[in-house]
Amino acid sequence: MSCSGYLCAKFKKQLPVKDKDLWVGDKVTLLKSKRIGIIQKIEKGGKILVKVESSKIWTNANNLSVIVEEEKDKFKEIDEWLSDEIPTLSNNKPKAIPKFNANIIDLHIEKLDTTGKILLETNILDYQMTCFMTWLEQRHRKRAVTLTAIHGKGTGTLKTTIESYLKNDKRIALVNSINNDGALEIWLKY
């Protein structure tokens, strides 16, 4: 069975390559030294920069063989993440809501979800809002007066959603935009 360069992803083997078959990030074997590395840069003149362990080596396509891994192995971690239940507002209680002990919450998803299991963008806002509402409830029970919710300066979707939520919450006395519009200061009333 013949394979066309780097695209033969069903077989785990090394394939001879041409310049056009190479991509930054490809795992390759340097044929002369038999060392394995990752392509870092490809220049028009045919020079290719390969990172091998802690060093970087300039070479050309004739000295490289692409290591092709089975696609199943490439996506194993992603498949495992997707098989887990992704928390949403419809579930009410996400699997892993962080514990909040401060009057400041950073709602950036990478701060809330250190496991990396919230992958789908449609669920990120639900997760952020669930965390926000849980935090707000916890801080209200602790009788906090002022709170800060860091939402970031992205598209404004999270900020708008939070503001809409707070407009209907009778516990809220005042909401101010702070930090160059990257956070909300929330004053609670009792």
C-alpha atoms as a PDB file:
ATOM      1  CA  MET A   1       0.000   0.000   0.000  1.00  0.00           C
ATOM      2  CA  SER A   2       1.437   3.381  -0.904  1.00  0.00           C
ATOM      3  CA  CYS A   3       1.177   6.566   1.099  1.00  0.00           C
ATOM      4  CA  SER A   4       1.407  10.143  -0.020  1.00  0.00           C
ATOM      5  CA  GLY A   5       4.008  11.865   2.163  1.00  0.00           C
ATOM      6  CA  TYR A   6       2.868  13.113   5.527  1.00  0.00           C
ATOM      7  CA  LEU A   7      -0.835  12.525   4.973  1.00  0.00           C
ATOM      8  CA  CYS A   8      -0.696   8.777   5.570  1.00  0.00           C
ATOM      9  CA  ALA A   9      -2.077   9.031   9.106  1.00  0.00           C
ATOM     10  CA  LYS A  10      -3.356   5.479   9.482  1.00  0.00           C
ATOM     11  CA  PHE A  11       0.116   4.023   9.846  1.00  0.00           C
ATOM     12  CA  LYS A  12       2.723   4.800  12.465  1.00  0.00           C
ATOM     13  CA  LYS A  13       5.907   4.925  10.439  1.00  0.00           C
ATOM     14  CA  GLN A  14       8.470   7.251   9.018  1.00  0.00           C
ATOM     15  CA  LEU A  15       7.963   8.599   5.541  1.00  0.00           C
ATOM     16  CA  PRO A  16      10.340  10.379   3.177  1.00  0.00           C
ATOM     17  CA  VAL A  17       9.247  13.955   2.591  1.00  0.00           C
ATOM     18  CA  LYS A  18       9.401  16.861   0.213  1.00  0.00           C
ATOM     19  CA  ASP A  19       9.476  20.516   1.288  1.00  0.00           C
ATOM     20  CA  LYS A  20       5.755  20.909   0.576  1.00  0.00           C
ATOM     21  CA  ASP A  21       4.898  17.976   2.873  1.00  0.00           C
ATOM     22  CA  LEU A  22       6.481  19.606   5.921  1.00  0.00           C
ATOM     23  CA  TRP A  23       4.661  21.690   8.500  1.00  0.00           C
ATOM     24  CA  VAL A  24       5.805  23.581  11.571  1.00  0.00           C
ATOM     25  CA  GLY A  25       5.077  21.296  14.520  1.00  0.00           C
ATOM     26  CA  ASP A  26       5.699  18.034  12.620  1.00  0.00           C
ATOM     27  CA  LYS A  27       7.599  15.361  14.526  1.00  0.00           C
ATOM     28  CA  VAL A  28      10.582  14.280  12.415  1.00  0.00           C
ATOM     29  CA  THR A  29      13.672  12.095  12.465  1.00  0.00           C
ATOM     30  CA  LEU A  30      16.978  13.580  11.350  1.00  0.00           C
ATOM     31  CA  LEU A  31      18.194  10.810   9.033  1.00  0.00           C
ATOM     32  CA  LYS A  32      21.947  11.396   9.465  1.00  0.00           C
ATOM     33  CA  SER A  33      21.958  11.454  13.261  1.00  0.00           C
ATOM     34  CA  LYS A  34      18.793   9.360  13.877  1.00  0.00           C
ATOM     35  CA  ARG A  35      17.617  11.956  16.426  1.00  0.00           C
ATOM     36  CA  ILE A  36      13.966  12.932  16.814  1.00  0.00           C
ATOM     37  CA  GLY A  37      12.750  16.534  16.926  1.00  0.00           C
ATOM     38  CA  ILE A  38       9.983  18.987  16.094  1.00  0.00           C
ATOM     39  CA  ILE A  39      10.026  21.402  13.135  1.00  0.00           C
ATOM     40  CA  GLN A  40      10.182  24.976  14.452  1.00  0.00           C
ATOM     41  CA  LYS A  41      10.615  27.016  11.251  1.00  0.00           C
ATOM     42  CA  ILE A  42      10.650  26.471   7.481  1.00  0.00           C
ATOM     43  CA  GLU A  43      12.340  29.055   5.275  1.00  0.00           C
ATOM     44  CA  LYS A  44      11.732  29.609   1.546  1.00  0.00           C
ATOM     45  CA  GLY A  45      15.280  28.620   0.620  1.00  0.00           C
ATOM     46  CA  GLY A  46      14.689  25.097   1.929  1.00  0.00           C
ATOM     47  CA  LYS A  47      16.302  25.579   5.326  1.00  0.00           C
ATOM     48  CA  ILE A  48      14.382  23.895   8.135  1.00  0.00           C
ATOM     49  CA  LEU A  49      14.884  24.546  11.850  1.00  0.00           C
ATOM     50  CA  VAL A  50      14.329  21.456  14.010  1.00  0.00           C
ATOM     51  CA  LYS A  51      14.301  21.480  17.814  1.00  0.00           C
ATOM     52  CA  VAL A  52      15.981  18.361  19.161  1.00  0.00           C
ATOM     53  CA  GLU A  53      15.888  18.130  22.965  1.00  0.00           C
ATOM     54  CA  SER A  54      17.367  21.453  24.113  1.00  0.00           C
ATOM     55  CA  SER A  55      19.155  22.361  20.881  1.00  0.00           C
ATOM     56  CA  LYS A  56      18.021  23.694  17.511  1.00  0.00           C
ATOM     57  CA  ILE A  57      19.449  22.326  14.267  1.00  0.00           C
ATOM     58  CA  TRP A  58      19.235  23.752  10.757  1.00  0.00           C
ATOM     59  CA  THR A  59      18.836  21.097   8.055  1.00  0.00           C
ATOM     60  CA  ASN A  60      16.941  20.435   4.801  1.00  0.00           C
ATOM     61  CA  ALA A  61      14.095  18.143   3.689  1.00  0.00           C
ATOM     62  CA  ASN A  62      16.500  15.485   2.364  1.00  0.00           C
ATOM     63  CA  ASN A  63      17.715  14.861   5.935  1.00  0.00           C
ATOM     64  CA  LEU A  64      14.213  14.504   7.384  1.00  0.00           C
ATOM     65  CA  SER A  65      11.641  11.798   7.726  1.00  0.00           C
ATOM     66  CA  VAL A  66       8.215  12.668   9.135  1.00  0.00           C
ATOM     67  CA  ILE A  67       6.978  10.484  11.970  1.00  0.00           C
ATOM     68  CA  VAL A  68       3.290   9.893  11.403  1.00  0.00           C
ATOM     69  CA  GLU A  69       1.241   8.714  14.324  1.00  0.00           C
ATOM     70  CA  GLU A  70      -2.129   7.055  14.144  1.00  0.00           C
ATOM     71  CA  GLU A  71      -4.927   9.627  14.304  1.00  0.00           C
ATOM     72  CA  LYS A  72      -6.565   7.687  17.117  1.00  0.00           C
ATOM     73  CA  ASP A  73      -3.520   8.348  19.331  1.00  0.00           C
ATOM     74  CA  LYS A  74      -3.422  12.032  18.385  1.00  0.00           C
ATOM     75  CA  PHE A  75      -6.953  12.688  19.604  1.00  0.00           C
ATOM     76  CA  LYS A  76      -7.152  10.290  22.538  1.00  0.00           C
ATOM     77  CA  GLU A  77      -7.029  13.036  25.203  1.00  0.00           C
ATOM     78  CA  ILE A  78      -9.604  15.176  23.399  1.00  0.00           C
ATOM     79  CA  ASP A  79     -11.932  12.179  23.063  1.00  0.00           C
ATOM     80  CA  GLU A  80     -11.616  11.518  26.806  1.00  0.00           C
ATOM     81  CA  TRP A  81     -12.434  15.154  27.626  1.00  0.00           C
ATOM     82  CA  LEU A  82     -15.440  15.141  25.312  1.00  0.00           C
ATOM     83  CA  SER A  83     -16.765  11.964  26.872  1.00  0.00           C
ATOM     84  CA  ASP A  84     -16.967  13.672  30.275  1.00  0.00           C
ATOM     85  CA  GLU A  85     -20.131  15.579  31.105  1.00  0.00           C
ATOM     86  CA  ILE A  86     -19.633  19.276  30.481  1.00  0.00           C
ATOM     87  CA  PRO A  87     -21.228  21.414  33.194  1.00  0.00           C
ATOM     88  CA  THR A  88     -23.912  23.843  32.058  1.00  0.00           C
ATOM     89  CA  LEU A  89     -26.556  25.969  33.691  1.00  0.00           C
ATOM     90  CA  SER A  90     -29.132  23.356  32.745  1.00  0.00           C
ATOM     91  CA  ASN A  91     -27.387  20.932  35.121  1.00  0.00           C
ATOM     92  CA  ASN A  92     -27.611  23.625  37.868  1.00  0.00           C
ATOM     93  CA  LYS A  93     -24.620  22.202  39.774  1.00  0.00           C
ATOM     94  CA  PRO A  94     -21.509  21.754  37.627  1.00  0.00           C
ATOM     95  CA  LYS A  95     -19.189  18.918  38.602  1.00  0.00           C
ATOM     96  CA  ALA A  96     -16.352  21.138  39.721  1.00  0.00           C
ATOM     97  CA  ILE A  97     -17.234  24.619  40.928  1.00  0.00           C
ATOM     98  CA  PRO A  98     -14.163  26.166  42.514  1.00  0.00           C
ATOM     99  CA  LYS A  99     -14.409  27.196  46.151  1.00  0.00           C
ATOM    100  CA  PHE A 100     -14.466  30.947  46.507  1.00  0.00           C
ATOM    101  CA  ASN A 101     -12.922  32.506  49.592  1.00  0.00           C
ATOM    102  CA  ALA A 102     -12.415  36.056  48.424  1.00  0.00           C
ATOM    103  CA  ASN A 103     -14.451  39.080  47.467  1.00  0.00           C
ATOM    104  CA  ILE A 104     -12.784  39.035  44.046  1.00  0.00           C
ATOM    105  CA  ILE A 105     -13.440  36.453  41.339  1.00  0.00           C
ATOM    106  CA  ASP A 106     -11.573  36.121  38.047  1.00  0.00           C
ATOM    107  CA  LEU A 107     -14.029  34.713  35.521  1.00  0.00           C
ATOM    108  CA  HIS A 108     -11.482  33.977  32.795  1.00  0.00           C
ATOM    109  CA  ILE A 109     -12.136  30.331  31.894  1.00  0.00           C
ATOM    110  CA  GLU A 110      -8.495  29.309  32.384  1.00  0.00           C
ATOM    111  CA  LYS A 111      -8.699  30.573  35.971  1.00  0.00           C
ATOM    112  CA  LEU A 112     -11.987  28.801  36.722  1.00  0.00           C
ATOM    113  CA  ASP A 113     -11.312  25.531  34.926  1.00  0.00           C
ATOM    114  CA  THR A 114      -7.769  24.365  35.589  1.00  0.00           C
ATOM    115  CA  THR A 115      -8.614  20.842  34.345  1.00  0.00           C
ATOM    116  CA  GLY A 116      -9.305  21.989  30.779  1.00  0.00           C
ATOM    117  CA  LYS A 117     -12.564  20.065  30.551  1.00  0.00           C
ATOM    118  CA  ILE A 118     -14.701  23.000  29.417  1.00  0.00           C
ATOM    119  CA  LEU A 119     -13.926  22.794  25.722  1.00  0.00           C
ATOM    120  CA  LEU A 120     -17.005  23.864  23.845  1.00  0.00           C
ATOM    121  CA  GLU A 121     -17.445  27.615  23.560  1.00  0.00           C
ATOM    122  CA  THR A 122     -21.216  27.349  23.895  1.00  0.00           C
ATOM    123  CA  ASN A 123     -20.787  25.924  27.400  1.00  0.00           C
ATOM    124  CA  ILE A 124     -18.082  28.300  28.614  1.00  0.00           C
ATOM    125  CA  LEU A 125     -20.487  31.185  29.264  1.00  0.00           C
ATOM    126  CA  ASP A 126     -22.855  28.865  31.147  1.00  0.00           C
ATOM    127  CA  TYR A 127     -19.976  27.625  33.296  1.00  0.00           C
ATOM    128  CA  GLN A 128     -18.718  31.161  33.975  1.00  0.00           C
ATOM    129  CA  MET A 129     -22.210  32.334  34.953  1.00  0.00           C
ATOM    130  CA  THR A 130     -22.761  29.313  37.204  1.00  0.00           C
ATOM    131  CA  CYS A 131     -19.460  30.053  38.950  1.00  0.00           C
ATOM    132  CA  PHE A 132     -20.391  33.743  39.220  1.00  0.00           C
ATOM    133  CA  MET A 133     -23.825  33.032  40.711  1.00  0.00           C
ATOM    134  CA  THR A 134     -22.363  30.495  43.176  1.00  0.00           C
ATOM    135  CA  TRP A 135     -19.687  32.996  44.215  1.00  0.00           C
ATOM    136  CA  LEU A 136     -22.227  35.807  44.589  1.00  0.00           C
ATOM    137  CA  GLU A 137     -24.443  33.623  46.766  1.00  0.00           C
ATOM    138  CA  GLN A 138     -21.487  32.554  48.944  1.00  0.00           C
ATOM    139  CA  ARG A 139     -20.276  36.125  49.379  1.00  0.00           C
ATOM    140  CA  HIS A 140     -23.806  37.340  50.217  1.00  0.00           C
ATOM    141  CA  ARG A 141     -24.105  34.673  52.927  1.00  0.00           C
ATOM    142  CA  LYS A 142     -20.771  35.932  54.339  1.00  0.00           C
ATOM    143  CA  ARG A 143     -22.282  39.445  54.377  1.00  0.00           C
ATOM    144  CA  ALA A 144     -19.677  40.975  52.067  1.00  0.00           C
ATOM    145  CA  VAL A 145     -20.358  44.585  51.132  1.00  0.00           C
ATOM    146  CA  THR A 146     -18.275  45.144  47.992  1.00  0.00           C
ATOM    147  CA  LEU A 147     -17.256  42.532  45.441  1.00  0.00           C
ATOM    148  CA  THR A 148     -15.196  42.571  42.266  1.00  0.00           C
ATOM    149  CA  ALA A 149     -15.932  40.303  39.310  1.00  0.00           C
ATOM    150  CA  ILE A 150     -13.170  40.296  36.669  1.00  0.00           C
ATOM    151  CA  HIS A 151     -14.747  39.467  33.326  1.00  0.00           C
ATOM    152  CA  GLY A 152     -12.038  40.676  30.953  1.00  0.00           C
ATOM    153  CA  LYS A 153     -12.260  42.961  27.945  1.00  0.00           C
ATOM    154  CA  GLY A 154     -13.114  40.404  25.227  1.00  0.00           C
ATOM    155  CA  THR A 155     -16.330  40.703  23.243  1.00  0.00           C
ATOM    156  CA  GLY A 156     -18.383  41.925  26.202  1.00  0.00           C
ATOM    157  CA  THR A 157     -20.726  38.934  26.229  1.00  0.00           C
ATOM    158  CA  LEU A 158     -19.867  37.868  29.775  1.00  0.00           C
ATOM    159  CA  LYS A 159     -20.077  41.444  31.100  1.00  0.00           C
ATOM    160  CA  THR A 160     -23.488  41.976  29.478  1.00  0.00           C
ATOM    161  CA  THR A 161     -24.788  38.674  30.814  1.00  0.00           C
ATOM    162  CA  ILE A 162     -23.613  39.477  34.343  1.00  0.00           C
ATOM    163  CA  GLU A 163     -25.110  42.977  34.216  1.00  0.00           C
ATOM    164  CA  SER A 164     -28.450  41.555  33.021  1.00  0.00           C
ATOM    165  CA  TYR A 165     -28.412  39.051  35.851  1.00  0.00           C
ATOM    166  CA  LEU A 166     -27.570  41.695  38.457  1.00  0.00           C
ATOM    167  CA  LYS A 167     -30.347  44.072  37.299  1.00  0.00           C
ATOM    168  CA  ASN A 168     -32.921  41.542  38.503  1.00  0.00           C
ATOM    169  CA  ASP A 169     -31.164  40.664  41.768  1.00  0.00           C
ATOM    170  CA  LYS A 170     -32.695  42.493  44.767  1.00  0.00           C
ATOM    171  CA  ARG A 171     -29.526  42.014  46.820  1.00  0.00           C
ATOM    172  CA  ILE A 172     -27.593  44.411  44.559  1.00  0.00           C
ATOM    173  CA  ALA A 173     -27.307  48.057  45.577  1.00  0.00           C
ATOM    174  CA  LEU A 174     -24.897  49.323  42.890  1.00  0.00           C
ATOM    175  CA  VAL A 175     -22.770  48.072  39.980  1.00  0.00           C
ATOM    176  CA  ASN A 176     -19.805  50.057  38.580  1.00  0.00           C
ATOM    177  CA  SER A 177     -17.496  49.220  35.692  1.00  0.00           C
ATOM    178  CA  ILE A 178     -13.835  49.396  36.841  1.00  0.00           C
ATOM    179  CA  ASN A 179     -10.308  48.515  35.612  1.00  0.00           C
ATOM    180  CA  ASN A 180     -10.765  50.104  32.173  1.00  0.00           C
ATOM    181  CA  ASP A 181     -14.007  48.168  31.670  1.00  0.00           C
ATOM    182  CA  GLY A 182     -12.428  44.795  32.503  1.00  0.00           C
ATOM    183  CA  ALA A 183     -14.245  44.226  35.807  1.00  0.00           C
ATOM    184  CA  LEU A 184     -17.392  45.047  37.724  1.00  0.00           C
ATOM    185  CA  GLU A 185     -17.547  46.436  41.252  1.00  0.00           C
ATOM    186  CA  ILE A 186     -20.676  45.129  42.932  1.00  0.00           C
ATOM    187  CA  TRP A 187     -22.168  46.630  46.103  1.00  0.00           C
ATOM    188  CA  LEU A 188     -24.536  44.415  48.079  1.00  0.00           C
ATOM    189  CA  LYS A 189     -27.368  45.562  50.338  1.00  0.00           C
ATOM    190  CA  TYR A 190     -28.830  43.807  53.382  1.00  0.00           C
END
